[in-house]
């Protein structure tokens, strides 16, 4: 497979098993937990907040001992920030887990969820510890990746992101802005690669595939996340369609109340139609905590899935914590 080339522009980065009972309602004054709520009614806690910051409170798993046999492969590094391979549920204390969780839907309504037991669920490439809640299960063709949003153990509002249709008036306005930047970034990268690739490449229109907007205005601006792409057709010697090249452009945009747009952060990928390497982001919520604003993002890649917390501040978006799902 052709080597994946990446250009970054100021880019930050079901098996149910009875386990423990659950405890009484979580004390709001205590540090609280946050988790990804899935369409099957399970909730995967992935981080804790307290003392002004976010962290993964579980200890780093022990590294596998190296083999004495030289032909054996070296053991892979065991990540502290991974939910995979944990021997027990990290969010239980004295054998109990928090009962009450608070979830804000895509239309901004609040729901109190009750957790009944600790379970293990299938993840992208392994299993995670989770909680079974009383959220009605919904049918899904891909239950492992069917994420509804985030829930917390405190009555702290989480504003949903709104999906914008790319073909809508607003989508077209944003898309026109993205296209101008996309064209410039891609042209610079293709010029750099002109010795490796054919000099003539047919002009291809930009497609805005995903667009999300913050529900409310933050510091006088709406925040947008976008995915855009260009697909270059390729034919075999027999004239049959073949795996063509794909340019991918993803990032964050701010829009002020007068309609002015600004690029906050972005990343450009030049890859093949198999799309191995690039990942897809979906913003699932925003929380205002004292004087800080945090964004919660699900990042789905070819080989892994991560849950990311970003902080929105005067300098842009800073990556605070990344938890690897599995």
Protein backbone atom coordinates (compact mmCIF):
# COMPACT_ATOMS: atom_id res chain seq x y z
CA UNK A 1 0.00 0.00 0.00
CA UNK A 2 1.26 3.47 -0.85
CA UNK A 3 2.78 5.26 2.09
CA UNK A 4 0.34 7.60 3.80
CA UNK A 5 1.40 11.23 3.68
CA UNK A 6 0.14 13.61 6.32
CA UNK A 7 0.33 17.39 6.45
CA UNK A 8 -0.82 19.01 9.67
CA UNK A 9 -1.84 22.65 9.91
CA UNK A 10 -1.79 23.69 13.58
CA UNK A 11 -3.51 20.44 14.44
CA UNK A 12 -3.67 20.10 18.12
CA UNK A 13 -4.17 15.14 18.07
CA UNK A 14 -21.45 -7.66 23.76
CA UNK A 15 -20.65 -9.92 26.39
CA UNK A 16 -22.74 -9.17 29.46
CA UNK A 17 -21.05 -10.34 32.68
CA UNK A 18 -22.51 -9.84 36.16
CA UNK A 19 -19.92 -8.13 38.28
CA UNK A 20 -20.50 -5.55 41.01
CA UNK A 21 -23.62 -3.93 42.42
CA UNK A 22 -23.98 -0.17 42.06
CA UNK A 23 -23.89 2.51 44.72
CA UNK A 24 -26.20 5.35 45.66
CA UNK A 25 -26.30 8.65 43.73
CA UNK A 26 -22.91 10.21 43.10
CA UNK A 27 -22.05 13.21 45.28
CA UNK A 28 -21.97 16.31 43.08
CA UNK A 29 -19.18 17.84 45.16
CA UNK A 30 -16.91 14.89 44.44
CA UNK A 31 -14.83 14.39 41.29
CA UNK A 32 -17.14 13.12 38.56
CA UNK A 33 -16.84 10.55 35.81
CA UNK A 34 -17.68 10.83 32.12
CA UNK A 35 -18.54 8.01 29.75
CA UNK A 36 -19.59 7.24 26.19
CA UNK A 37 -23.23 6.18 25.95
CA UNK A 38 -23.93 3.51 23.35
CA UNK A 39 -27.08 2.65 21.45
CA UNK A 40 -27.34 -0.74 23.19
CA UNK A 41 -27.89 1.04 26.53
CA UNK A 42 -24.39 0.46 27.90
CA UNK A 43 -22.09 3.25 29.07
CA UNK A 44 -18.28 3.12 28.88
CA UNK A 45 -16.63 5.44 31.48
CA UNK A 46 -13.37 6.80 30.06
CA UNK A 47 -12.15 9.68 32.25
CA UNK A 48 -12.50 11.43 35.59
CA UNK A 49 -12.58 15.14 36.42
CA UNK A 50 -11.32 16.63 39.68
CA UNK A 51 -8.95 19.23 41.09
CA UNK A 52 -9.36 21.30 37.95
CA UNK A 53 -8.28 18.64 35.45
CA UNK A 54 -9.10 15.45 33.52
CA UNK A 55 -7.21 12.21 33.86
CA UNK A 56 -7.33 8.42 33.54
CA UNK A 57 -7.14 7.32 37.19
CA UNK A 58 -6.30 3.68 36.63
CA UNK A 59 -2.68 2.51 36.97
CA UNK A 60 -0.64 1.63 33.92
CA UNK A 61 -0.82 -2.14 33.25
CA UNK A 62 2.33 -4.14 33.85
CA UNK A 63 4.52 -4.51 30.77
CA UNK A 64 4.81 -8.03 29.41
CA UNK A 65 8.22 -9.53 30.20
CA UNK A 66 10.58 -9.82 27.27
CA UNK A 67 11.19 -13.29 25.88
CA UNK A 68 14.57 -14.94 26.38
CA UNK A 69 14.34 -16.25 22.81
CA UNK A 70 15.84 -13.86 20.23
CA UNK A 71 13.40 -14.90 17.49
CA UNK A 72 10.38 -13.85 19.58
CA UNK A 73 8.89 -10.47 18.73
CA UNK A 74 9.42 -7.64 21.20
CA UNK A 75 6.44 -6.98 23.47
CA UNK A 76 4.33 -3.97 22.57
CA UNK A 77 4.20 -0.99 24.91
CA UNK A 78 1.27 -1.08 27.30
CA UNK A 79 -0.48 2.29 27.29
CA UNK A 80 -1.71 3.92 30.48
CA UNK A 81 -4.44 5.76 28.56
CA UNK A 82 -6.09 2.60 27.20
CA UNK A 83 -9.31 0.98 28.39
CA UNK A 84 -8.21 -2.33 26.89
CA UNK A 85 -6.77 -5.17 28.94
CA UNK A 86 -7.83 -3.77 32.33
CA UNK A 87 -8.20 -6.64 34.79
CA UNK A 88 -11.19 -5.02 36.52
CA UNK A 89 -13.54 -2.10 36.12
CA UNK A 90 -11.57 1.03 37.05
CA UNK A 91 -14.66 3.03 38.01
CA UNK A 92 -15.74 0.83 40.94
CA UNK A 93 -14.85 1.62 44.55
CA UNK A 94 -15.16 -1.03 47.24
CA UNK A 95 -16.90 -3.22 44.68
CA UNK A 96 -19.50 -0.60 43.79
CA UNK A 97 -20.03 1.73 40.82
CA UNK A 98 -22.00 4.99 40.50
CA UNK A 99 -25.72 4.51 39.99
CA UNK A 100 -26.92 7.84 38.58
CA UNK A 101 -25.73 9.30 35.29
CA UNK A 102 -26.98 12.39 33.49
CA UNK A 103 -27.32 12.54 29.73
CA UNK A 104 -28.27 15.41 27.41
CA UNK A 105 -29.82 14.35 24.11
CA UNK A 106 -29.20 15.83 20.65
CA UNK A 107 -32.10 18.23 21.25
CA UNK A 108 -30.75 19.37 24.61
CA UNK A 109 -33.15 17.55 26.95
CA UNK A 110 -31.78 16.01 30.14
CA UNK A 111 -32.34 12.39 31.16
CA UNK A 112 -31.31 10.65 34.37
CA UNK A 113 -29.99 7.16 33.69
CA UNK A 114 -29.78 4.43 36.28
CA UNK A 115 -26.97 1.90 36.07
CA UNK A 116 -27.81 -1.61 37.25
CA UNK A 117 -24.63 -3.66 36.88
CA UNK A 118 -21.09 -3.74 35.55
CA UNK A 119 -20.69 -5.57 32.23
CA UNK A 120 -18.09 -6.22 29.57
CA UNK A 121 -18.82 -5.00 26.05
CA UNK A 122 -17.22 -5.53 22.67
CA UNK A 123 -15.11 -2.60 21.52
CA UNK A 124 -13.38 -1.81 18.23
CA UNK A 125 -10.70 -4.49 18.64
CA UNK A 126 -11.20 -5.88 22.14
CA UNK A 127 -13.45 -5.42 25.17
CA UNK A 128 -14.18 -2.61 27.63
CA UNK A 129 -15.67 -2.48 31.09
CA UNK A 130 -19.05 -0.74 31.01
CA UNK A 131 -22.29 -0.14 32.91
CA UNK A 132 -25.69 -1.41 31.85
CA UNK A 133 -28.21 1.45 32.07
CA UNK A 134 -31.97 1.69 31.73
CA UNK A 135 -31.70 3.52 28.40
CA UNK A 136 -33.95 1.68 25.90
CA UNK A 137 -31.83 -0.30 23.47
CA UNK A 138 -32.06 0.76 19.84
CA UNK A 139 -31.48 -1.36 16.77
CA UNK A 140 -28.20 -0.77 14.97
CA UNK A 141 -26.31 -2.36 12.11
CA UNK A 142 -23.04 -1.60 13.93
CA UNK A 143 -23.70 -1.68 17.70
CA UNK A 144 -19.99 -1.55 18.61
CA UNK A 145 -19.66 1.90 17.02
CA UNK A 146 -23.17 3.20 17.71
CA UNK A 147 -22.37 6.10 20.07
CA UNK A 148 -25.27 8.30 21.20
CA UNK A 149 -23.30 10.84 23.24
CA UNK A 150 -21.62 11.36 26.61
CA UNK A 151 -23.04 11.09 30.14
CA UNK A 152 -21.64 12.27 33.48
CA UNK A 153 -22.15 11.44 37.16
CA UNK A 154 -22.86 15.11 38.02
CA UNK A 155 -25.69 17.43 37.03
CA UNK A 156 -23.32 19.28 34.74
CA UNK A 157 -24.94 20.23 31.44
CA UNK A 158 -23.38 18.92 28.25
CA UNK A 159 -24.47 20.78 25.13
CA UNK A 160 -24.86 18.57 22.04
CA UNK A 161 -23.32 19.35 18.67
CA UNK A 162 -25.80 19.85 15.86
CA UNK A 163 -25.36 17.98 12.56
CA UNK A 164 -25.64 20.36 9.58
CA UNK A 165 -26.64 19.00 6.17
CA UNK A 166 -23.81 19.76 3.71
CA UNK A 167 -26.43 20.55 1.04
CA UNK A 168 -28.22 23.14 3.18
CA UNK A 169 -27.69 26.89 2.75
CA UNK A 170 -25.45 26.99 5.79
CA UNK A 171 -23.58 23.90 4.65
CA UNK A 172 -22.91 25.43 1.24
CA UNK A 173 -21.59 28.66 2.78
CA UNK A 174 -19.22 26.77 5.06
CA UNK A 175 -18.30 24.39 2.23
CA UNK A 176 -17.27 27.27 -0.03
CA UNK A 177 -14.92 28.56 2.67
CA UNK A 178 -13.45 25.10 3.24
CA UNK A 179 -12.95 24.52 -0.50
CA UNK A 180 -10.72 27.59 -0.86
CA UNK A 181 -8.41 26.43 1.93
CA UNK A 182 -8.54 22.79 0.83
CA UNK A 183 -7.48 23.70 -2.73
CA UNK A 184 -4.49 25.69 -1.50
CA UNK A 185 -3.28 23.05 0.94
CA UNK A 186 -3.68 20.24 -1.59
CA UNK A 187 -1.90 22.20 -4.33
CA UNK A 188 1.10 22.77 -2.08
CA UNK A 189 1.29 19.09 -1.17
CA UNK A 190 0.94 17.90 -4.78
CA UNK A 191 3.67 20.30 -5.84
CA UNK A 192 5.95 18.76 -3.25
CA UNK A 193 5.10 15.30 -4.61
CA UNK A 194 5.33 16.18 -8.31
CA UNK A 195 8.39 13.95 -8.81
CA UNK A 196 6.57 10.94 -7.39
CA UNK A 197 3.20 11.40 -9.06
CA UNK A 198 1.87 12.19 -12.55
CA UNK A 199 2.14 15.88 -13.36
CA UNK A 200 -1.41 16.14 -14.68
CA UNK A 201 -4.25 15.39 -12.29
CA UNK A 202 -7.84 15.93 -13.31
CA UNK A 203 -9.70 18.65 -11.44
CA UNK A 204 -12.07 17.13 -8.88
CA UNK A 205 -14.79 18.89 -6.92
CA UNK A 206 -14.64 19.07 -3.15
CA UNK A 207 -17.30 17.13 -1.24
CA UNK A 208 -18.24 18.25 2.26
CA UNK A 209 -19.11 14.92 3.88
CA UNK A 210 -19.73 15.91 7.53
CA UNK A 211 -20.44 19.18 9.30
CA UNK A 212 -21.23 19.73 12.98
CA UNK A 213 -21.92 22.98 14.90
CA UNK A 214 -21.95 23.82 18.59
CA UNK A 215 -25.45 24.32 19.97
CA UNK A 216 -24.63 27.71 21.46
CA UNK A 217 -22.21 30.57 20.95
CA UNK A 218 -18.91 30.48 22.85
CA UNK A 219 -17.09 33.78 23.32
CA UNK A 220 -19.15 35.30 20.52
CA UNK A 221 -18.59 32.43 18.07
CA UNK A 222 -20.10 29.14 16.94
CA UNK A 223 -17.66 26.22 16.66
CA UNK A 224 -17.82 23.88 13.64
CA UNK A 225 -16.15 20.56 12.85
CA UNK A 226 -15.91 19.46 9.21
CA UNK A 227 -14.81 16.56 7.01
CA UNK A 228 -14.17 17.22 3.31
CA UNK A 229 -12.68 15.07 0.56
CA UNK A 230 -11.77 14.75 -3.10
CA UNK A 231 -11.87 11.38 -4.84
CA UNK A 232 -9.69 10.90 -7.93
CA UNK A 233 -10.97 8.17 -10.28
CA UNK A 234 -8.51 5.66 -11.67
CA UNK A 235 -8.96 2.99 -14.33
CA UNK A 236 -7.06 -0.22 -14.95
CA UNK A 237 -5.57 -1.12 -18.31
CA UNK A 238 -8.86 -2.84 -19.17
CA UNK A 239 -10.83 0.29 -18.38
CA UNK A 240 -12.31 -1.05 -15.15
CA UNK A 241 -12.48 1.18 -12.05
CA UNK A 242 -9.48 0.81 -9.76
CA UNK A 243 -8.52 2.07 -6.33
CA UNK A 244 -7.99 5.79 -6.83
CA UNK A 245 -6.39 8.46 -4.72
CA UNK A 246 -8.26 10.41 -2.07
CA UNK A 247 -7.50 13.78 -0.50
CA UNK A 248 -9.00 14.31 2.94
CA UNK A 249 -9.26 17.63 4.77
CA UNK A 250 -10.61 17.81 8.34
CA UNK A 251 -10.69 20.43 11.03
CA UNK A 252 -12.37 23.08 13.13
CA UNK A 253 -13.82 26.45 12.13
CA UNK A 254 -15.14 29.37 14.15
CA UNK A 255 -17.94 31.65 12.92
CA UNK A 256 -18.71 34.99 14.56
CA UNK A 257 -22.13 36.56 14.84
CA UNK A 258 -21.54 38.64 11.70
CA UNK A 259 -20.79 35.57 9.61
CA UNK A 260 -17.00 35.86 9.61
CA UNK A 261 -15.27 32.48 9.34
CA UNK A 262 -11.86 31.45 10.62
CA UNK A 263 -9.91 28.20 10.44
CA UNK A 264 -8.93 27.09 13.94
CA UNK A 265 -7.18 23.75 13.35
CA UNK A 266 -6.97 21.33 10.45
CA UNK A 267 -5.24 18.27 9.08
CA UNK A 268 -4.73 17.11 5.49
CA UNK A 269 -4.28 13.52 4.34
CA UNK A 270 -3.32 12.22 0.91
CA UNK A 271 -4.05 8.49 0.75
CA UNK A 272 -5.63 5.67 -1.25
CA UNK A 273 -9.26 4.64 -1.51
CA UNK A 274 -8.75 2.11 1.30
CA UNK A 275 -8.34 5.07 3.67
CA UNK A 276 -6.07 3.21 6.04
CA UNK A 277 -4.39 5.65 8.38
CA UNK A 278 -6.76 8.64 8.55
CA UNK A 279 -9.37 8.70 11.29
CA UNK A 280 -12.85 10.19 11.54
CA UNK A 281 -13.88 12.55 14.31
CA UNK A 282 -17.39 13.07 15.64
CA UNK A 283 -17.92 15.81 18.26
CA UNK A 284 -20.45 14.52 20.80
CA UNK A 285 -20.73 17.31 23.36
CA UNK A 286 -19.46 20.50 24.94
CA UNK A 287 -19.22 21.33 28.65
CA UNK A 288 -18.71 24.72 30.29
CA UNK A 289 -17.02 24.20 33.62
CA UNK A 290 -16.37 27.38 35.61
CA UNK A 291 -14.31 29.49 33.20
CA UNK A 292 -13.30 26.58 30.97
CA UNK A 293 -14.98 25.03 27.92
CA UNK A 294 -14.34 21.39 27.04
CA UNK A 295 -15.26 19.51 23.86
CA UNK A 296 -15.74 15.74 23.80
CA UNK A 297 -14.86 13.96 20.57
CA UNK A 298 -15.01 10.38 19.41
CA UNK A 299 -12.19 9.49 16.99
CA UNK A 300 -12.67 6.33 14.95
CA UNK A 301 -9.75 4.91 12.98
CA UNK A 302 -8.97 1.80 10.97
CA UNK A 303 -7.40 -0.06 13.89
CA UNK A 304 -8.56 1.77 17.01
CA UNK A 305 -11.07 4.12 18.58
CA UNK A 306 -10.32 6.95 20.98
CA UNK A 307 -12.27 9.35 23.17
CA UNK A 308 -10.72 12.81 23.20
CA UNK A 309 -11.19 15.84 25.45
CA UNK A 310 -10.27 19.22 23.96
CA UNK A 311 -10.19 22.57 25.74
CA UNK A 312 -11.41 25.62 23.85
CA UNK A 313 -9.47 28.73 24.88
CA UNK A 314 -8.12 31.98 23.46
CA UNK A 315 -5.31 30.15 21.64
CA UNK A 316 -7.68 27.70 19.94
CA UNK A 317 -8.16 24.04 20.78
CA UNK A 318 -5.80 22.17 23.08
CA UNK A 319 -5.84 18.39 23.43
CA UNK A 320 -6.28 17.69 27.14
CA UNK A 321 -6.70 13.92 27.25
CA UNK A 322 -6.98 11.02 24.82
CA UNK A 323 -8.34 7.69 26.06
CA UNK A 324 -7.88 4.72 23.75
CA UNK A 325 -11.06 2.63 23.66
CA UNK A 326 -9.59 -0.57 22.22
